[in-house]
């Protein structure tokens, strides 16, 4: 339901965007990270704390701030609204709630891994990702990943998930690659 509402909004608002660009934006807007941001905006973590008194306070605090839990809470709330009211009745409210994420996706590179892969493919190169480290207890890990291009470390990133760490590694690799690519273009 969320993907449909966002896809329709993007199609209506940006009829000139190609399919690939719309897919990247939609993917970011409906991602777990974006859902967690919206859940925080809607104070779903606070609502969980207020209504789940059967758990110890420390556990409630951990759950109410966990990105994955917040995203799951939002997804459950959206499913309940859909079942109770139907798609047409809630579509505009859902799009309104996610407008800030659409705007963010329009103005920021939201999928650094894809951007890096496409940039490297133009010159016949590829990227792979290595998990360098995982620190902390299982419920609160920090991952470190490296983007490896042509056998050399091109970027390193840290994040609360492997995917986030890889995205940050790709961002760093892109930042290093852009000056090189610009220099190559200027030399031509």
Protein backbone atom coordinates (compact mmCIF):
# COMPACT_ATOMS: atom_id res chain seq x y z
CA UNK A 1 0.00 0.00 0.00
CA UNK A 2 2.81 2.43 0.88
CA UNK A 3 4.74 1.59 -2.30
CA UNK A 4 1.60 2.04 -4.42
CA UNK A 5 0.77 5.43 -2.88
CA UNK A 6 4.32 6.72 -3.35
CA UNK A 7 4.67 5.29 -6.87
CA UNK A 8 1.42 6.94 -7.94
CA UNK A 9 2.48 10.26 -6.39
CA UNK A 10 5.83 10.18 -8.18
CA UNK A 11 4.21 9.25 -11.49
CA UNK A 12 1.67 12.08 -11.17
CA UNK A 13 4.15 14.71 -9.93
CA UNK A 14 7.06 13.89 -12.21
CA UNK A 15 5.75 12.57 -15.53
CA UNK A 16 9.05 13.41 -17.25
CA UNK A 17 11.20 11.29 -14.92
CA UNK A 18 12.42 8.05 -16.44
CA UNK A 19 11.52 4.73 -14.89
CA UNK A 20 14.95 4.23 -13.32
CA UNK A 21 14.94 7.57 -11.53
CA UNK A 22 11.41 7.03 -10.22
CA UNK A 23 12.33 3.56 -8.99
CA UNK A 24 15.36 4.89 -7.09
CA UNK A 25 13.34 7.63 -5.45
CA UNK A 26 10.46 5.29 -4.57
CA UNK A 27 12.89 2.74 -3.16
CA UNK A 28 14.42 5.33 -0.86
CA UNK A 29 11.10 6.82 0.23
CA UNK A 30 9.63 3.46 1.28
CA UNK A 31 12.85 2.11 2.80
CA UNK A 32 13.15 0.96 6.40
CA UNK A 33 15.27 4.03 7.18
CA UNK A 34 12.63 6.43 5.79
CA UNK A 35 9.83 4.59 7.58
CA UNK A 36 11.78 4.97 10.84
CA UNK A 37 12.15 8.72 10.22
CA UNK A 38 8.39 9.08 9.68
CA UNK A 39 7.69 6.92 12.74
CA UNK A 40 9.83 9.30 14.81
CA UNK A 41 8.00 12.29 13.30
CA UNK A 42 4.70 10.69 14.32
CA UNK A 43 6.12 9.89 17.78
CA UNK A 44 5.30 6.19 17.47
CA UNK A 45 8.15 5.30 19.86
CA UNK A 46 6.55 7.48 22.55
CA UNK A 47 3.19 5.85 21.88
CA UNK A 48 4.79 2.43 22.27
CA UNK A 49 6.27 3.47 25.63
CA UNK A 50 2.89 4.79 26.79
CA UNK A 51 0.93 1.68 25.76
CA UNK A 52 3.26 -1.28 26.39
CA UNK A 53 3.69 -1.17 30.15
CA UNK A 54 4.19 -4.95 30.45
CA UNK A 55 7.84 -4.66 29.42
CA UNK A 56 10.66 -3.38 31.63
CA UNK A 57 11.35 0.34 31.11
CA UNK A 58 14.88 -0.31 29.81
CA UNK A 59 13.58 -2.75 27.19
CA UNK A 60 10.80 -0.34 26.19
CA UNK A 61 13.31 2.48 25.74
CA UNK A 62 15.51 0.27 23.58
CA UNK A 63 12.56 -0.83 21.41
CA UNK A 64 11.07 2.66 21.15
CA UNK A 65 14.29 4.04 19.66
CA UNK A 66 15.30 1.07 17.48
CA UNK A 67 15.11 1.92 13.77
CA UNK A 68 13.78 -1.48 12.73
CA UNK A 69 11.12 -1.49 15.45
CA UNK A 70 10.02 2.05 14.55
CA UNK A 71 9.76 1.12 10.87
CA UNK A 72 7.76 -2.01 11.75
CA UNK A 73 5.43 0.06 13.96
CA UNK A 74 4.77 2.45 11.10
CA UNK A 75 4.17 -0.39 8.66
CA UNK A 76 1.73 -2.03 11.10
CA UNK A 77 -0.11 1.26 11.63
CA UNK A 78 -0.41 1.78 7.87
CA UNK A 79 -1.70 -1.77 7.40
CA UNK A 80 -4.31 -1.23 10.12
CA UNK A 81 -5.43 2.03 8.53
CA UNK A 82 -5.65 0.36 5.13
CA UNK A 83 -7.72 -2.52 6.49
CA UNK A 84 -10.03 -0.18 8.40
CA UNK A 85 -10.50 2.58 5.81
CA UNK A 86 -9.27 1.35 2.40
CA UNK A 87 -6.61 2.71 0.08
CA UNK A 88 -8.42 5.72 -1.37
CA UNK A 89 -9.32 7.10 2.07
CA UNK A 90 -5.75 7.09 3.37
CA UNK A 91 -3.63 7.56 0.24
CA UNK A 92 -3.32 11.36 0.51
CA UNK A 93 -2.51 11.27 4.23
CA UNK A 94 0.22 8.68 3.57
CA UNK A 95 1.72 10.76 0.76
CA UNK A 96 1.56 13.89 2.96
CA UNK A 97 3.39 12.05 5.76
CA UNK A 98 6.15 10.98 3.34
CA UNK A 99 6.49 14.27 1.43
CA UNK A 100 9.65 15.22 3.32
CA UNK A 101 11.22 11.89 2.32
CA UNK A 102 10.27 12.47 -1.32
CA UNK A 103 11.86 15.92 -1.19
CA UNK A 104 14.98 14.47 0.44
CA UNK A 105 15.25 11.78 -2.24
CA UNK A 106 14.88 14.39 -4.98
CA UNK A 107 17.75 16.51 -3.70
CA UNK A 108 20.18 13.88 -2.38
CA UNK A 109 21.92 10.90 -3.85
CA UNK A 110 19.87 8.19 -2.16
CA UNK A 111 21.48 5.05 -3.53
CA UNK A 112 25.21 5.50 -3.52
CA UNK A 113 25.84 1.82 -4.27
CA UNK A 114 23.92 2.00 -7.54
CA UNK A 115 25.50 5.33 -8.45
CA UNK A 116 28.97 3.91 -7.83
CA UNK A 117 28.24 0.74 -9.78
CA UNK A 118 26.94 2.75 -12.75
CA UNK A 119 29.88 5.16 -12.67
CA UNK A 120 32.38 2.30 -12.62
CA UNK A 121 30.55 0.33 -15.32
CA UNK A 122 31.12 3.20 -17.77
CA UNK A 123 34.84 2.47 -17.56
CA UNK A 124 34.48 -1.33 -17.39
CA UNK A 125 35.23 -1.56 -13.66
CA UNK A 126 33.26 -3.19 -10.84
CA UNK A 127 32.85 -2.83 -7.10
CA UNK A 128 32.48 -5.39 -4.34
CA UNK A 129 31.82 -4.91 -0.64
CA UNK A 130 33.56 -6.49 2.30
CA UNK A 131 32.35 -6.56 5.88
CA UNK A 132 35.39 -5.29 7.79
CA UNK A 133 34.02 -5.31 11.34
CA UNK A 134 30.91 -5.78 13.47
CA UNK A 135 30.99 -4.32 16.97
CA UNK A 136 28.56 -4.34 19.88
CA UNK A 137 25.88 -6.67 21.20
CA UNK A 138 23.57 -8.38 18.67
CA UNK A 139 20.71 -5.94 19.33
CA UNK A 140 22.90 -2.85 18.88
CA UNK A 141 25.64 -3.58 16.35
CA UNK A 142 27.77 -1.16 14.39
CA UNK A 143 29.07 -2.49 11.09
CA UNK A 144 32.07 -1.34 9.07
CA UNK A 145 32.19 -2.13 5.35
CA UNK A 146 34.67 -1.38 2.59
CA UNK A 147 33.94 -0.70 -1.08
CA UNK A 148 36.65 -2.45 -3.10
CA UNK A 149 37.35 -1.32 -6.67
CA UNK A 150 39.94 -3.11 -8.78
CA UNK A 151 41.24 -4.89 -5.69
CA UNK A 152 41.82 -1.67 -3.76
CA UNK A 153 39.84 -0.16 -0.92
CA UNK A 154 38.00 2.84 -2.40
CA UNK A 155 35.86 3.77 0.58
CA UNK A 156 34.96 2.74 4.12
CA UNK A 157 31.67 3.29 5.91
CA UNK A 158 30.06 2.57 9.26
CA UNK A 159 26.39 2.07 10.06
CA UNK A 160 23.83 0.33 12.21
CA UNK A 161 23.23 -2.23 9.44
CA UNK A 162 25.46 -3.86 6.83
CA UNK A 163 23.48 -2.10 4.10
CA UNK A 164 23.97 1.31 5.72
CA UNK A 165 27.70 0.68 6.13
CA UNK A 166 27.97 -0.35 2.46
CA UNK A 167 26.04 2.77 1.36
CA UNK A 168 28.42 4.98 3.32
CA UNK A 169 31.43 3.15 1.89
CA UNK A 170 30.00 3.73 -1.60
CA UNK A 171 29.48 7.44 -0.82
CA UNK A 172 33.12 7.76 0.20
CA UNK A 173 34.25 5.89 -2.91
CA UNK A 174 32.11 8.16 -5.09
CA UNK A 175 33.58 11.25 -3.48
CA UNK A 176 37.07 9.96 -4.26
CA UNK A 177 36.06 8.88 -7.76
CA UNK A 178 34.41 12.17 -8.80
CA UNK A 179 37.62 14.26 -8.79
CA UNK A 180 39.35 11.53 -10.80
CA UNK A 181 36.49 11.31 -13.30
CA UNK A 182 36.40 15.11 -13.62
CA UNK A 183 40.14 15.18 -14.23
CA UNK A 184 39.83 12.48 -16.91
CA UNK A 185 37.05 14.44 -18.65
CA UNK A 186 39.05 17.68 -18.47
CA UNK A 187 42.10 15.98 -20.00
CA UNK A 188 40.06 14.82 -23.01
